[in-house]
Protein backbone atom coordinates (compact mmCIF):
# COMPACT_ATOMS: atom_id res chain seq x y z
CA MET A 1 1.38 8.15 28.54
CA LYS A 2 1.31 5.33 31.07
CA LYS A 3 4.59 3.99 32.36
CA ASN A 4 6.00 0.69 33.54
CA ILE A 5 8.31 1.14 36.51
CA ILE A 6 10.02 -1.19 38.97
CA TYR A 7 11.59 0.02 42.22
CA CYS A 8 14.15 -2.49 43.41
CA SER A 9 17.30 -3.16 45.36
CA TYR A 10 20.52 -4.70 44.09
CA SER A 11 20.51 -7.36 46.81
CA CYS A 12 16.81 -8.27 46.71
CA PHE A 13 16.06 -11.81 45.44
CA PHE A 14 12.41 -10.99 44.72
CA CYS A 15 13.43 -7.86 42.83
CA GLN A 16 15.56 -9.99 40.54
CA ARG A 17 12.68 -12.41 39.98
CA ALA A 18 10.29 -9.54 39.19
CA TYR A 19 12.84 -8.09 36.78
CA GLN A 20 13.26 -11.48 35.07
CA LEU A 21 9.49 -12.00 34.76
CA LEU A 22 9.03 -8.60 33.11
CA LYS A 23 11.94 -9.23 30.74
CA LYS A 24 10.60 -12.71 29.87
CA ARG A 25 7.25 -11.14 28.98
CA ASP A 26 9.06 -8.51 26.89
CA ILE A 27 7.54 -5.72 28.97
CA SER A 28 9.61 -2.54 28.71
CA PHE A 29 10.08 -0.68 31.97
CA LYS A 30 12.18 1.85 33.81
CA LYS A 31 14.17 0.32 36.67
CA TYR A 32 14.99 2.41 39.74
CA HIS A 33 17.41 1.09 42.34
CA VAL A 34 16.51 2.48 45.75
CA LYS A 35 20.15 3.25 46.52
CA ASN A 36 20.24 5.57 43.50
CA ILE A 37 17.11 7.55 44.30
CA GLY A 38 17.84 10.92 45.86
CA ASP A 39 14.82 11.17 48.12
CA TRP A 40 13.82 7.65 49.12
CA ASN A 41 11.33 9.03 51.67
CA GLU A 42 9.35 10.60 48.83
CA VAL A 43 9.32 7.30 46.97
CA LYS A 44 8.21 5.46 50.13
CA GLU A 45 5.29 7.87 50.43
CA LYS A 46 4.31 7.19 46.82
CA ILE A 47 4.44 3.41 47.07
CA GLY A 48 3.16 3.18 50.63
CA ARG A 49 5.65 0.66 51.98
CA LYS A 50 9.34 0.43 52.67
CA THR A 51 9.86 -2.90 50.91
CA VAL A 52 10.77 -3.70 47.33
CA PRO A 53 10.11 -4.69 44.62
CA LYS A 54 7.33 -2.28 43.77
CA VAL A 55 6.01 -2.62 40.25
CA PHE A 56 3.84 -0.18 38.33
CA ILE A 57 2.39 -1.50 35.05
CA ASN A 58 0.51 1.17 33.10
CA ASP A 59 0.44 3.12 36.38
CA PHE A 60 -1.29 0.16 38.14
CA HIS A 61 0.56 -0.63 41.39
CA ILE A 62 1.52 -4.25 42.04
CA SER A 63 2.80 -4.39 45.59
CA ARG A 64 4.99 -7.52 45.78
CA PHE A 65 6.61 -10.12 43.56
CA ASP A 66 4.03 -12.71 44.65
CA ASP A 67 1.28 -10.36 43.44
CA LEU A 68 3.07 -9.90 40.11
CA LEU A 69 3.44 -13.66 39.68
CA THR A 70 -0.23 -14.24 40.54
CA ALA A 71 -1.25 -11.52 38.07
CA GLU A 72 0.79 -13.20 35.36
CA GLN A 73 -0.55 -16.69 36.07
CA SER A 74 -4.19 -15.56 36.26
CA GLY A 75 -4.11 -13.41 33.11
CA LYS A 76 -4.61 -10.19 35.10
CA LEU A 77 -1.22 -8.92 33.91
CA ASP A 78 -2.44 -9.12 30.31
CA GLU A 79 -5.55 -7.13 31.28
CA ILE A 80 -3.40 -4.46 32.94
CA LEU A 81 -1.14 -4.26 29.89
CA ASN A 82 -4.05 -3.71 27.50
C-alpha cells in the first residue's frame, strides 16, 4: 500500500504551508517532525537532503514546498494521487 508522508519541522514556514495544502486537498498523510525521529541521519539518507519539508505522495518524492505547489497548480498532484 502506498503512503503519503510529510517530514517537517515545527518552526518551518514552508512545512506549515505544505501541511495546509495537503489538508485543504483532503489528502491523508502521516506527519513526522524531524525532532521526534530517532535517527535523523537515516531519514536524511532516504530523502537525500537535510532540508524540510519533504513530501511523499503515493511514494512519489516531492522535494520542496514550491514543487508541491507547482504540482498542485499544474494538475500533476492529481496524477500522482491516482
